[in-house]
Amino acid sequence: MKHILNHLFEHKSFDRAEAKAILKDIALGSYTNTQVAAFMTVYGMRAITVAELQGFRDAMLDLASPLKIYEDYELIDLCGTGGDGKNTFNISTLASFILAGAGYKVAKHGNYGVSSGCGSSNVMEYLGLKFKAEEALLNRSLDEAGICFLHAPLYHPAMKTVAPIRKELGVKTFFNMLGPMVNPVKPAYQMVGVFNLELARLYAYLYQHSGNKYTIVHALDGYDEVSLTGDFKTFSEQGEQLHPLSSLGFVALKAEAIQGGNTIPEAAQYFTAILRGQGTQAQNQVVLSNAALGIQTLNRGMNFHSAYAQAEESLFSKKAFQSFNTLIQLHAKN
């Protein structure tokens, strides 16, 4: 690790194979917590390269527990990097249930919050989901609820190894960047939110060569999702596109309107209220806009307003809430 750190301190980068080897060693516990913390901190001070991000991703996927299921479904994951520091409620997780309620099949990859107060795993665990990696249960969840939840540390040894270090640091690291890229079922469709434009373009480069259908989203005022607090950009296999709010018929929201509370119980309260159809207009608009982009990722010929209407029907008919309840009950029984 001394050699690795000195290499970085000299403003040098690693090639894909070197980055892969380093992350594998981290996952296998070859370094102390202090050494790993120092390594992660460097990437908070300089940009990660495409080769390094590819190498880290390769290592995570090589070490991941294999999941040989879901072959009958076209799966989508809606997942943000986190790390935008905006403390919003759990938008991508709510949007995932809206897609499931609309009849799509969602493999939601999630983890505990590190740089945010409440990640998707925090809120789902608080609301009663028991994290399990049983293939039969995950398949049944897809069949009956339209969604399965993949808690990252169950599948990624590296995530488990670095979890206490990330928690102590409390700031975003390159593991935030990796989260959406290492879903163990490798879904063919992905909607990914990222916290800055530089990372959006890195992701776009990598996803161009993946064969996946994807939408990468970044709000220009710093959110890793469609926040409706300002204009946003998307990157997809169809190219880069700016989306002015006015063109979608929205008026900019204030940041306070989409805050997520300061505790996990508060976040869970927002979450269930929105799923029950009791969210504020601002909360509903944000969740439905993100769900609409997910639906468009699956249906490239569909315009935003048609996708939004489909999402609206899922939320307000309580189909999304039914999907959530079914998932919780299935996990409680098994």
C-alpha atoms as a PDB file:
ATOM      1  CA  MET A   1       0.000   0.000   0.000  1.00  0.00           C
ATOM      2  CA  LYS A   2       2.925   2.359   0.633  1.00  0.00           C
ATOM      3  CA  HIS A   3       3.956   1.922  -3.016  1.00  0.00           C
ATOM      4  CA  ILE A   4       0.352   2.443  -4.185  1.00  0.00           C
ATOM      5  CA  LEU A   5      -0.084   5.635  -2.152  1.00  0.00           C
ATOM      6  CA  ASN A   6       3.251   7.080  -3.270  1.00  0.00           C
ATOM      7  CA  HIS A   7       2.204   6.394  -6.866  1.00  0.00           C
ATOM      8  CA  LEU A   8      -0.990   8.389  -6.292  1.00  0.00           C
ATOM      9  CA  PHE A   9       0.792  11.182  -4.410  1.00  0.00           C
ATOM     10  CA  GLU A  10       2.951  11.662  -7.511  1.00  0.00           C
ATOM     11  CA  HIS A  11      -0.270  12.383  -9.465  1.00  0.00           C
ATOM     12  CA  LYS A  12      -0.031   9.133 -11.405  1.00  0.00           C
ATOM     13  CA  SER A  13      -2.957   6.853 -12.215  1.00  0.00           C
ATOM     14  CA  PHE A  14      -3.406   3.089 -12.549  1.00  0.00           C
ATOM     15  CA  ASP A  15      -4.324   1.122 -15.635  1.00  0.00           C
ATOM     16  CA  ARG A  16      -7.378  -1.132 -15.663  1.00  0.00           C
ATOM     17  CA  ALA A  17      -5.527  -4.305 -14.587  1.00  0.00           C
ATOM     18  CA  GLU A  18      -3.680  -2.522 -11.751  1.00  0.00           C
ATOM     19  CA  ALA A  19      -6.898  -0.969 -10.424  1.00  0.00           C
ATOM     20  CA  LYS A  20      -8.618  -4.350 -10.531  1.00  0.00           C
ATOM     21  CA  ALA A  21      -5.789  -6.012  -8.586  1.00  0.00           C
ATOM     22  CA  ILE A  22      -5.777  -3.274  -5.926  1.00  0.00           C
ATOM     23  CA  LEU A  23      -9.507  -3.499  -5.295  1.00  0.00           C
ATOM     24  CA  LYS A  24      -9.364  -7.283  -5.098  1.00  0.00           C
ATOM     25  CA  ASP A  25      -6.664  -6.998  -2.425  1.00  0.00           C
ATOM     26  CA  ILE A  26      -8.794  -4.469  -0.524  1.00  0.00           C
ATOM     27  CA  ALA A  27     -11.788  -6.831  -0.658  1.00  0.00           C
ATOM     28  CA  LEU A  28      -9.700  -9.732   0.581  1.00  0.00           C
ATOM     29  CA  GLY A  29      -8.525  -7.759   3.617  1.00  0.00           C
ATOM     30  CA  SER A  30      -4.877  -7.410   2.534  1.00  0.00           C
ATOM     31  CA  TYR A  31      -4.592  -3.863   3.927  1.00  0.00           C
ATOM     32  CA  THR A  32      -5.349  -2.176   7.244  1.00  0.00           C
ATOM     33  CA  ASN A  33      -8.363   0.100   7.684  1.00  0.00           C
ATOM     34  CA  THR A  34      -6.052   3.117   7.892  1.00  0.00           C
ATOM     35  CA  GLN A  35      -4.379   2.221   4.601  1.00  0.00           C
ATOM     36  CA  VAL A  36      -7.707   1.699   2.848  1.00  0.00           C
ATOM     37  CA  ALA A  37      -9.042   4.994   4.250  1.00  0.00           C
ATOM     38  CA  ALA A  38      -5.973   6.799   2.880  1.00  0.00           C
ATOM     39  CA  PHE A  39      -6.440   5.163  -0.519  1.00  0.00           C
ATOM     40  CA  MET A  40     -10.130   6.105  -0.707  1.00  0.00           C
ATOM     41  CA  THR A  41      -9.404   9.660   0.428  1.00  0.00           C
ATOM     42  CA  VAL A  42      -7.085  10.302  -2.525  1.00  0.00           C
ATOM     43  CA  TYR A  43     -10.045   9.812  -4.880  1.00  0.00           C
ATOM     44  CA  GLY A  44     -11.937  12.503  -3.006  1.00  0.00           C
ATOM     45  CA  MET A  45      -9.150  14.903  -4.000  1.00  0.00           C
ATOM     46  CA  ARG A  46      -8.649  14.018  -7.644  1.00  0.00           C
ATOM     47  CA  ALA A  47     -10.773  12.700 -10.484  1.00  0.00           C
ATOM     48  CA  ILE A  48     -10.952   8.970 -11.114  1.00  0.00           C
ATOM     49  CA  THR A  49      -9.909   7.869 -14.615  1.00  0.00           C
ATOM     50  CA  VAL A  50     -11.967   5.682 -16.953  1.00  0.00           C
ATOM     51  CA  ALA A  51      -9.397   2.881 -16.650  1.00  0.00           C
ATOM     52  CA  GLU A  52      -9.460   3.001 -12.839  1.00  0.00           C
ATOM     53  CA  LEU A  53     -13.248   2.979 -12.710  1.00  0.00           C
ATOM     54  CA  GLN A  54     -13.321   0.041 -15.146  1.00  0.00           C
ATOM     55  CA  GLY A  55     -10.754  -1.867 -13.097  1.00  0.00           C
ATOM     56  CA  PHE A  56     -12.576  -1.283  -9.811  1.00  0.00           C
ATOM     57  CA  ARG A  57     -15.860  -2.357 -11.436  1.00  0.00           C
ATOM     58  CA  ASP A  58     -14.241  -5.495 -12.906  1.00  0.00           C
ATOM     59  CA  ALA A  59     -12.916  -6.501  -9.476  1.00  0.00           C
ATOM     60  CA  MET A  60     -16.320  -6.017  -7.829  1.00  0.00           C
ATOM     61  CA  LEU A  61     -18.097  -8.104 -10.457  1.00  0.00           C
ATOM     62  CA  ASP A  62     -15.424 -10.827 -10.401  1.00  0.00           C
ATOM     63  CA  LEU A  63     -15.771 -11.202  -6.643  1.00  0.00           C
ATOM     64  CA  ALA A  64     -19.586 -10.855  -6.533  1.00  0.00           C
ATOM     65  CA  SER A  65     -21.713 -13.816  -5.497  1.00  0.00           C
ATOM     66  CA  PRO A  66     -23.176 -15.167  -8.751  1.00  0.00           C
ATOM     67  CA  LEU A  67     -26.937 -15.017  -9.305  1.00  0.00           C
ATOM     68  CA  LYS A  68     -28.186 -17.258 -12.100  1.00  0.00           C
ATOM     69  CA  ILE A  69     -31.803 -16.171 -12.197  1.00  0.00           C
ATOM     70  CA  TYR A  70     -34.217 -13.738 -13.814  1.00  0.00           C
ATOM     71  CA  GLU A  71     -33.655 -15.169 -17.279  1.00  0.00           C
ATOM     72  CA  ASP A  72     -37.298 -14.714 -18.273  1.00  0.00           C
ATOM     73  CA  TYR A  73     -37.430 -10.995 -17.469  1.00  0.00           C
ATOM     74  CA  GLU A  74     -36.171  -7.741 -18.912  1.00  0.00           C
ATOM     75  CA  LEU A  75     -34.908  -6.229 -15.677  1.00  0.00           C
ATOM     76  CA  ILE A  76     -34.255  -2.609 -14.818  1.00  0.00           C
ATOM     77  CA  ASP A  77     -32.388  -1.072 -11.889  1.00  0.00           C
ATOM     78  CA  LEU A  78     -33.007   2.498 -10.743  1.00  0.00           C
ATOM     79  CA  CYS A  79     -30.044   3.494  -8.638  1.00  0.00           C
ATOM     80  CA  GLY A  80     -28.232   6.703  -7.779  1.00  0.00           C
ATOM     81  CA  THR A  81     -24.610   7.088  -6.776  1.00  0.00           C
ATOM     82  CA  GLY A  82     -25.558   9.061  -3.679  1.00  0.00           C
ATOM     83  CA  GLY A  83     -22.944  11.514  -2.547  1.00  0.00           C
ATOM     84  CA  ASP A  84     -24.735  14.637  -3.766  1.00  0.00           C
ATOM     85  CA  GLY A  85     -25.080  15.880  -0.175  1.00  0.00           C
ATOM     86  CA  LYS A  86     -28.640  17.059  -0.809  1.00  0.00           C
ATOM     87  CA  ASN A  87     -30.442  14.920   1.809  1.00  0.00           C
ATOM     88  CA  THR A  88     -33.492  14.190  -0.354  1.00  0.00           C
ATOM     89  CA  PHE A  89     -36.028  11.498   0.484  1.00  0.00           C
ATOM     90  CA  ASN A  90     -35.533   8.054  -1.114  1.00  0.00           C
ATOM     91  CA  ILE A  91     -36.536   9.016  -4.647  1.00  0.00           C
ATOM     92  CA  SER A  92     -35.056   6.183  -6.743  1.00  0.00           C
ATOM     93  CA  THR A  93     -36.394   3.506  -4.360  1.00  0.00           C
ATOM     94  CA  LEU A  94     -39.895   4.966  -4.529  1.00  0.00           C
ATOM     95  CA  ALA A  95     -39.633   5.219  -8.313  1.00  0.00           C
ATOM     96  CA  SER A  96     -38.634   1.528  -8.359  1.00  0.00           C
ATOM     97  CA  PHE A  97     -41.899   0.523  -6.679  1.00  0.00           C
ATOM     98  CA  ILE A  98     -43.836   2.713  -9.102  1.00  0.00           C
ATOM     99  CA  LEU A  99     -42.267   0.835 -12.022  1.00  0.00           C
ATOM    100  CA  ALA A 100     -43.062  -2.484 -10.356  1.00  0.00           C
ATOM    101  CA  GLY A 101     -46.660  -1.346  -9.841  1.00  0.00           C
ATOM    102  CA  ALA A 102     -46.808  -0.414 -13.532  1.00  0.00           C
ATOM    103  CA  GLY A 103     -45.964  -3.993 -14.485  1.00  0.00           C
ATOM    104  CA  TYR A 104     -42.194  -3.769 -15.053  1.00  0.00           C
ATOM    105  CA  LYS A 105     -39.617  -6.003 -13.372  1.00  0.00           C
ATOM    106  CA  VAL A 106     -37.131  -4.224 -11.121  1.00  0.00           C
ATOM    107  CA  ALA A 107     -33.889  -5.558  -9.609  1.00  0.00           C
ATOM    108  CA  LYS A 108     -33.159  -2.771  -7.119  1.00  0.00           C
ATOM    109  CA  HIS A 109     -29.546  -2.641  -5.962  1.00  0.00           C
ATOM    110  CA  GLY A 110     -29.108  -0.731  -2.710  1.00  0.00           C
ATOM    111  CA  ASN A 111     -27.004  -0.150   0.365  1.00  0.00           C
ATOM    112  CA  TYR A 112     -26.928   1.702   3.655  1.00  0.00           C
ATOM    113  CA  GLY A 113     -26.394   5.450   3.461  1.00  0.00           C
ATOM    114  CA  VAL A 114     -22.840   6.621   4.015  1.00  0.00           C
ATOM    115  CA  SER A 115     -22.653  10.257   2.987  1.00  0.00           C
ATOM    116  CA  SER A 116     -26.442  10.591   3.340  1.00  0.00           C
ATOM    117  CA  GLY A 117     -28.536   9.938   6.421  1.00  0.00           C
ATOM    118  CA  CYS A 118     -30.700   7.229   4.945  1.00  0.00           C
ATOM    119  CA  GLY A 119     -29.844   4.977   2.008  1.00  0.00           C
ATOM    120  CA  SER A 120     -32.310   2.623   0.353  1.00  0.00           C
ATOM    121  CA  SER A 121     -31.256  -0.284   2.593  1.00  0.00           C
ATOM    122  CA  ASN A 122     -31.780   1.815   5.728  1.00  0.00           C
ATOM    123  CA  VAL A 123     -35.361   2.694   4.862  1.00  0.00           C
ATOM    124  CA  MET A 124     -36.280  -0.768   3.556  1.00  0.00           C
ATOM    125  CA  GLU A 125     -34.845  -2.469   6.645  1.00  0.00           C
ATOM    126  CA  TYR A 126     -36.645  -0.037   8.959  1.00  0.00           C
ATOM    127  CA  LEU A 127     -39.932  -0.766   7.150  1.00  0.00           C
ATOM    128  CA  GLY A 128     -39.524  -4.494   7.735  1.00  0.00           C
ATOM    129  CA  LEU A 129     -37.615  -5.943   4.774  1.00  0.00           C
ATOM    130  CA  LYS A 130     -35.343  -8.784   5.834  1.00  0.00           C
ATOM    131  CA  PHE A 131     -32.339  -8.895   3.499  1.00  0.00           C
ATOM    132  CA  LYS A 132     -31.830 -12.350   2.019  1.00  0.00           C
ATOM    133  CA  ALA A 133     -29.822 -13.640  -0.902  1.00  0.00           C
ATOM    134  CA  GLU A 134     -31.899 -16.749  -1.636  1.00  0.00           C
ATOM    135  CA  GLU A 135     -32.408 -17.085  -5.375  1.00  0.00           C
ATOM    136  CA  ALA A 136     -35.825 -18.729  -5.059  1.00  0.00           C
ATOM    137  CA  LEU A 137     -37.092 -15.890  -2.859  1.00  0.00           C
ATOM    138  CA  LEU A 138     -35.707 -13.228  -5.190  1.00  0.00           C
ATOM    139  CA  ASN A 139     -37.388 -14.917  -8.150  1.00  0.00           C
ATOM    140  CA  ARG A 140     -40.660 -15.160  -6.284  1.00  0.00           C
ATOM    141  CA  SER A 141     -40.392 -11.485  -5.341  1.00  0.00           C
ATOM    142  CA  LEU A 142     -40.103 -10.614  -9.022  1.00  0.00           C
ATOM    143  CA  ASP A 143     -43.037 -12.858  -9.926  1.00  0.00           C
ATOM    144  CA  GLU A 144     -45.404 -11.592  -7.230  1.00  0.00           C
ATOM    145  CA  ALA A 145     -44.211  -8.090  -6.312  1.00  0.00           C
ATOM    146  CA  GLY A 146     -42.530  -7.122  -9.598  1.00  0.00           C
ATOM    147  CA  ILE A 147     -39.391  -6.177  -7.688  1.00  0.00           C
ATOM    148  CA  CYS A 148     -36.542  -7.766  -5.769  1.00  0.00           C
ATOM    149  CA  PHE A 149     -34.178  -5.904  -3.468  1.00  0.00           C
ATOM    150  CA  LEU A 150     -30.466  -6.694  -3.658  1.00  0.00           C
ATOM    151  CA  HIS A 151     -28.671  -5.461  -0.519  1.00  0.00           C
ATOM    152  CA  ALA A 152     -25.138  -4.850  -1.835  1.00  0.00           C
ATOM    153  CA  PRO A 153     -23.057  -6.252   1.091  1.00  0.00           C
ATOM    154  CA  LEU A 154     -24.732  -9.667   0.668  1.00  0.00           C
ATOM    155  CA  TYR A 155     -23.250  -9.957  -2.814  1.00  0.00           C
ATOM    156  CA  HIS A 156     -20.048  -7.915  -2.696  1.00  0.00           C
ATOM    157  CA  PRO A 157     -17.231  -8.887  -0.305  1.00  0.00           C
ATOM    158  CA  ALA A 158     -15.539  -5.552  -0.989  1.00  0.00           C
ATOM    159  CA  MET A 159     -18.609  -3.606   0.162  1.00  0.00           C
ATOM    160  CA  LYS A 160     -18.638  -5.610   3.378  1.00  0.00           C
ATOM    161  CA  THR A 161     -14.909  -5.083   3.991  1.00  0.00           C
ATOM    162  CA  VAL A 162     -14.997  -1.312   3.509  1.00  0.00           C
ATOM    163  CA  ALA A 163     -18.403  -0.653   5.134  1.00  0.00           C
ATOM    164  CA  PRO A 164     -17.020   0.306   8.587  1.00  0.00           C
ATOM    165  CA  ILE A 165     -14.338   2.494   6.977  1.00  0.00           C
ATOM    166  CA  ARG A 166     -16.864   4.306   4.792  1.00  0.00           C
ATOM    167  CA  LYS A 167     -19.129   4.804   7.797  1.00  0.00           C
ATOM    168  CA  GLU A 168     -16.325   6.344   9.854  1.00  0.00           C
ATOM    169  CA  LEU A 169     -15.254   8.627   7.001  1.00  0.00           C
ATOM    170  CA  GLY A 170     -18.855   9.719   6.376  1.00  0.00           C
ATOM    171  CA  VAL A 171     -18.070  11.254   2.980  1.00  0.00           C
ATOM    172  CA  LYS A 172     -18.600  10.046  -0.560  1.00  0.00           C
ATOM    173  CA  THR A 173     -15.850   7.827  -1.985  1.00  0.00           C
ATOM    174  CA  PHE A 174     -15.317   6.020  -5.281  1.00  0.00           C
ATOM    175  CA  PHE A 175     -17.538   3.243  -3.880  1.00  0.00           C
ATOM    176  CA  ASN A 176     -20.470   5.624  -4.431  1.00  0.00           C
ATOM    177  CA  MET A 177     -19.468   5.716  -8.099  1.00  0.00           C
ATOM    178  CA  LEU A 178     -19.318   1.924  -8.284  1.00  0.00           C
ATOM    179  CA  GLY A 179     -22.663   1.094  -6.658  1.00  0.00           C
ATOM    180  CA  PRO A 180     -24.925   1.386  -9.728  1.00  0.00           C
ATOM    181  CA  MET A 181     -22.383  -0.370 -11.979  1.00  0.00           C
ATOM    182  CA  VAL A 182     -22.095  -3.580  -9.981  1.00  0.00           C
ATOM    183  CA  ASN A 183     -25.657  -4.873  -9.672  1.00  0.00           C
ATOM    184  CA  PRO A 184     -25.007  -8.635  -9.355  1.00  0.00           C
ATOM    185  CA  VAL A 185     -27.768  -9.610 -11.808  1.00  0.00           C
ATOM    186  CA  LYS A 186     -26.383  -7.249 -14.484  1.00  0.00           C
ATOM    187  CA  PRO A 187     -29.789  -5.934 -15.633  1.00  0.00           C
ATOM    188  CA  ALA A 188     -30.144  -5.084 -19.315  1.00  0.00           C
ATOM    189  CA  TYR A 189     -31.749  -1.715 -18.477  1.00  0.00           C
ATOM    190  CA  GLN A 190     -30.498   0.876 -16.033  1.00  0.00           C
ATOM    191  CA  MET A 191     -31.406   4.359 -14.894  1.00  0.00           C
ATOM    192  CA  VAL A 192     -28.498   5.856 -12.984  1.00  0.00           C
ATOM    193  CA  GLY A 193     -28.313   9.163 -11.144  1.00  0.00           C
ATOM    194  CA  VAL A 194     -24.867  10.749 -10.701  1.00  0.00           C
ATOM    195  CA  PHE A 195     -23.673  13.668  -8.582  1.00  0.00           C
ATOM    196  CA  ASN A 196     -21.658  15.624 -11.164  1.00  0.00           C
ATOM    197  CA  LEU A 197     -21.333  16.064 -14.920  1.00  0.00           C
ATOM    198  CA  GLU A 198     -17.788  14.730 -15.045  1.00  0.00           C
ATOM    199  CA  LEU A 199     -18.955  11.409 -13.600  1.00  0.00           C
ATOM    200  CA  ALA A 200     -22.003  11.426 -15.898  1.00  0.00           C
ATOM    201  CA  ARG A 201     -19.677  11.544 -18.902  1.00  0.00           C
ATOM    202  CA  LEU A 202     -17.439   8.794 -17.458  1.00  0.00           C
ATOM    203  CA  TYR A 203     -20.497   6.610 -16.961  1.00  0.00           C
ATOM    204  CA  ALA A 204     -21.764   7.412 -20.448  1.00  0.00           C
ATOM    205  CA  TYR A 205     -18.450   6.297 -21.931  1.00  0.00           C
ATOM    206  CA  LEU A 206     -18.514   3.001 -20.029  1.00  0.00           C
ATOM    207  CA  TYR A 207     -22.188   2.293 -20.680  1.00  0.00           C
ATOM    208  CA  GLN A 208     -21.791   2.954 -24.418  1.00  0.00           C
ATOM    209  CA  HIS A 209     -19.669  -0.178 -24.555  1.00  0.00           C
ATOM    210  CA  SER A 210     -21.890  -2.299 -22.291  1.00  0.00           C
ATOM    211  CA  GLY A 211     -24.679  -3.221 -24.696  1.00  0.00           C
ATOM    212  CA  ASN A 212     -27.203  -2.064 -22.076  1.00  0.00           C
ATOM    213  CA  LYS A 213     -30.070   0.357 -22.526  1.00  0.00           C
ATOM    214  CA  TYR A 214     -29.434   3.146 -20.045  1.00  0.00           C
ATOM    215  CA  THR A 215     -30.342   6.622 -18.887  1.00  0.00           C
ATOM    216  CA  ILE A 216     -27.796   8.525 -16.831  1.00  0.00           C
ATOM    217  CA  VAL A 217     -29.280  11.599 -15.155  1.00  0.00           C
ATOM    218  CA  HIS A 218     -27.739  14.619 -13.460  1.00  0.00           C
ATOM    219  CA  ALA A 219     -29.546  17.739 -12.282  1.00  0.00           C
ATOM    220  CA  LEU A 220     -27.457  20.782 -13.127  1.00  0.00           C
ATOM    221  CA  ASP A 221     -27.738  22.156  -9.577  1.00  0.00           C
ATOM    222  CA  GLY A 222     -26.002  19.051  -8.222  1.00  0.00           C
ATOM    223  CA  TYR A 223     -28.605  16.357  -7.572  1.00  0.00           C
ATOM    224  CA  ASP A 224     -28.086  12.727  -8.603  1.00  0.00           C
ATOM    225  CA  GLU A 225     -31.704  12.488  -9.790  1.00  0.00           C
ATOM    226  CA  VAL A 226     -34.394  14.572 -11.433  1.00  0.00           C
ATOM    227  CA  SER A 227     -34.972  17.003  -8.567  1.00  0.00           C
ATOM    228  CA  LEU A 228     -37.186  19.493 -10.444  1.00  0.00           C
ATOM    229  CA  THR A 229     -35.276  22.247  -8.618  1.00  0.00           C
ATOM    230  CA  GLY A 230     -33.716  23.133 -11.979  1.00  0.00           C
ATOM    231  CA  ASP A 231     -32.901  21.800 -15.431  1.00  0.00           C
ATOM    232  CA  PHE A 232     -31.271  18.399 -15.821  1.00  0.00           C
ATOM    233  CA  LYS A 233     -29.241  16.439 -18.342  1.00  0.00           C
ATOM    234  CA  THR A 234     -29.541  12.847 -19.494  1.00  0.00           C
ATOM    235  CA  PHE A 235     -27.053  10.621 -21.284  1.00  0.00           C
ATOM    236  CA  SER A 236     -28.276   7.504 -23.059  1.00  0.00           C
ATOM    237  CA  GLU A 237     -27.479   5.278 -26.022  1.00  0.00           C
ATOM    238  CA  GLN A 238     -29.319   8.010 -27.977  1.00  0.00           C
ATOM    239  CA  GLY A 239     -26.873  10.715 -26.863  1.00  0.00           C
ATOM    240  CA  GLU A 240     -26.691  13.658 -24.464  1.00  0.00           C
ATOM    241  CA  GLN A 241     -29.761  15.820 -23.907  1.00  0.00           C
ATOM    242  CA  LEU A 242     -30.607  18.912 -21.858  1.00  0.00           C
ATOM    243  CA  HIS A 243     -34.101  18.954 -20.322  1.00  0.00           C
ATOM    244  CA  PRO A 244     -35.280  22.462 -19.372  1.00  0.00           C
ATOM    245  CA  LEU A 245     -38.062  22.235 -16.764  1.00  0.00           C
ATOM    246  CA  SER A 246     -40.215  24.593 -18.818  1.00  0.00           C
ATOM    247  CA  SER A 247     -40.222  22.116 -21.738  1.00  0.00           C
ATOM    248  CA  LEU A 248     -41.738  19.467 -19.433  1.00  0.00           C
ATOM    249  CA  GLY A 249     -44.354  21.829 -18.011  1.00  0.00           C
ATOM    250  CA  PHE A 250     -42.839  22.130 -14.509  1.00  0.00           C
ATOM    251  CA  VAL A 251     -42.043  25.152 -12.367  1.00  0.00           C
ATOM    252  CA  ALA A 252     -38.806  24.891 -10.357  1.00  0.00           C
ATOM    253  CA  LEU A 253     -39.246  23.552  -6.828  1.00  0.00           C
ATOM    254  CA  LYS A 254     -37.462  24.847  -3.748  1.00  0.00           C
ATOM    255  CA  ALA A 255     -34.870  22.477  -2.270  1.00  0.00           C
ATOM    256  CA  GLU A 256     -36.795  22.296   1.031  1.00  0.00           C
ATOM    257  CA  ALA A 257     -39.757  20.713  -0.767  1.00  0.00           C
ATOM    258  CA  ILE A 258     -37.844  17.483  -1.391  1.00  0.00           C
ATOM    259  CA  GLN A 259     -35.874  17.134   1.847  1.00  0.00           C
ATOM    260  CA  GLY A 260     -35.783  13.676   3.389  1.00  0.00           C
ATOM    261  CA  GLY A 261     -35.737  14.320   7.120  1.00  0.00           C
ATOM    262  CA  ASN A 262     -32.849  13.943   9.547  1.00  0.00           C
ATOM    263  CA  THR A 263     -33.462  10.410  10.827  1.00  0.00           C
ATOM    264  CA  ILE A 264     -34.331   7.000   9.380  1.00  0.00           C
ATOM    265  CA  PRO A 265     -37.823   7.022  11.005  1.00  0.00           C
ATOM    266  CA  GLU A 266     -38.516  10.415   9.379  1.00  0.00           C
ATOM    267  CA  ALA A 267     -37.316   9.127   6.006  1.00  0.00           C
ATOM    268  CA  ALA A 268     -39.537   6.052   6.386  1.00  0.00           C
ATOM    269  CA  GLN A 269     -42.506   8.273   7.212  1.00  0.00           C
ATOM    270  CA  TYR A 270     -42.026  10.270   3.999  1.00  0.00           C
ATOM    271  CA  PHE A 271     -41.569   7.022   2.076  1.00  0.00           C
ATOM    272  CA  THR A 272     -44.801   5.361   3.201  1.00  0.00           C
ATOM    273  CA  ALA A 273     -46.842   8.568   2.952  1.00  0.00           C
ATOM    274  CA  ILE A 274     -45.843   8.994  -0.695  1.00  0.00           C
ATOM    275  CA  LEU A 275     -46.528   5.324  -1.509  1.00  0.00           C
ATOM    276  CA  ARG A 276     -49.983   5.633   0.092  1.00  0.00           C
ATOM    277  CA  GLY A 277     -50.744   8.561  -2.235  1.00  0.00           C
ATOM    278  CA  GLN A 278     -50.413  11.105   0.598  1.00  0.00           C
ATOM    279  CA  GLY A 279     -47.270  12.856  -0.630  1.00  0.00           C
ATOM    280  CA  THR A 280     -47.137  16.573  -1.338  1.00  0.00           C
ATOM    281  CA  GLN A 281     -47.482  17.776  -4.910  1.00  0.00           C
ATOM    282  CA  ALA A 282     -43.727  18.467  -5.042  1.00  0.00           C
ATOM    283  CA  GLN A 283     -42.826  15.002  -3.704  1.00  0.00           C
ATOM    284  CA  ASN A 284     -45.180  13.298  -6.143  1.00  0.00           C
ATOM    285  CA  GLN A 285     -43.908  15.273  -9.131  1.00  0.00           C
ATOM    286  CA  VAL A 286     -40.268  14.391  -8.366  1.00  0.00           C
ATOM    287  CA  VAL A 287     -40.923  10.679  -7.813  1.00  0.00           C
ATOM    288  CA  LEU A 288     -43.135  10.428 -10.892  1.00  0.00           C
ATOM    289  CA  SER A 289     -40.605  12.279 -13.080  1.00  0.00           C
ATOM    290  CA  ASN A 290     -37.859   9.838 -12.113  1.00  0.00           C
ATOM    291  CA  ALA A 291     -40.191   6.886 -12.630  1.00  0.00           C
ATOM    292  CA  ALA A 292     -41.132   8.303 -16.044  1.00  0.00           C
ATOM    293  CA  LEU A 293     -37.466   8.369 -17.097  1.00  0.00           C
ATOM    294  CA  GLY A 294     -37.179   4.751 -15.971  1.00  0.00           C
ATOM    295  CA  ILE A 295     -40.216   3.813 -18.053  1.00  0.00           C
ATOM    296  CA  GLN A 296     -38.750   5.653 -21.048  1.00  0.00           C
ATOM    297  CA  THR A 297     -35.503   3.687 -20.617  1.00  0.00           C
ATOM    298  CA  LEU A 298     -37.560   0.512 -21.124  1.00  0.00           C
ATOM    299  CA  ASN A 299     -39.694   2.021 -23.906  1.00  0.00           C
ATOM    300  CA  ARG A 300     -37.557   4.245 -26.093  1.00  0.00           C
ATOM    301  CA  GLY A 301     -40.456   5.206 -28.361  1.00  0.00           C
ATOM    302  CA  MET A 302     -42.561   6.589 -25.499  1.00  0.00           C
ATOM    303  CA  ASN A 303     -42.615  10.328 -24.780  1.00  0.00           C
ATOM    304  CA  PHE A 304     -42.116  11.733 -21.281  1.00  0.00           C
ATOM    305  CA  HIS A 305     -45.754  12.691 -20.719  1.00  0.00           C
ATOM    306  CA  SER A 306     -47.062   9.224 -21.610  1.00  0.00           C
ATOM    307  CA  ALA A 307     -44.471   7.633 -19.306  1.00  0.00           C
ATOM    308  CA  TYR A 308     -45.412  10.101 -16.540  1.00  0.00           C
ATOM    309  CA  ALA A 309     -49.108   9.182 -16.931  1.00  0.00           C
ATOM    310  CA  GLN A 310     -48.214   5.484 -16.606  1.00  0.00           C
ATOM    311  CA  ALA A 311     -46.248   6.220 -13.424  1.00  0.00           C
ATOM    312  CA  GLU A 312     -49.130   8.323 -12.060  1.00  0.00           C
ATOM    313  CA  GLU A 313     -51.576   5.472 -12.567  1.00  0.00           C
ATOM    314  CA  SER A 314     -49.296   3.079 -10.670  1.00  0.00           C
ATOM    315  CA  LEU A 315     -48.915   5.448  -7.717  1.00  0.00           C
ATOM    316  CA  PHE A 316     -52.467   6.703  -7.325  1.00  0.00           C
ATOM    317  CA  SER A 317     -54.159   3.354  -7.974  1.00  0.00           C
ATOM    318  CA  LYS A 318     -52.024   2.048  -5.056  1.00  0.00           C
ATOM    319  CA  LYS A 319     -50.413  -0.592  -7.296  1.00  0.00           C
ATOM    320  CA  ALA A 320     -46.975   0.661  -6.236  1.00  0.00           C
ATOM    321  CA  PHE A 321     -47.990   0.390  -2.568  1.00  0.00           C
ATOM    322  CA  GLN A 322     -49.339  -3.109  -3.200  1.00  0.00           C
ATOM    323  CA  SER A 323     -45.990  -4.075  -4.741  1.00  0.00           C
ATOM    324  CA  PHE A 324     -44.205  -2.786  -1.634  1.00  0.00           C
ATOM    325  CA  ASN A 325     -46.523  -4.681   0.745  1.00  0.00           C
ATOM    326  CA  THR A 326     -46.170  -7.897  -1.242  1.00  0.00           C
ATOM    327  CA  LEU A 327     -42.364  -7.688  -1.117  1.00  0.00           C
ATOM    328  CA  ILE A 328     -42.320  -7.116   2.662  1.00  0.00           C
ATOM    329  CA  GLN A 329     -44.749 -10.006   3.274  1.00  0.00           C
ATOM    330  CA  LEU A 330     -42.821 -12.412   1.077  1.00  0.00           C
ATOM    331  CA  HIS A 331     -39.595 -11.755   2.967  1.00  0.00           C
ATOM    332  CA  ALA A 332     -41.357 -11.995   6.332  1.00  0.00           C
ATOM    333  CA  LYS A 333     -42.643 -15.497   5.494  1.00  0.00           C
ATOM    334  CA  ASN A 334     -39.338 -16.923   4.272  1.00  0.00           C
END
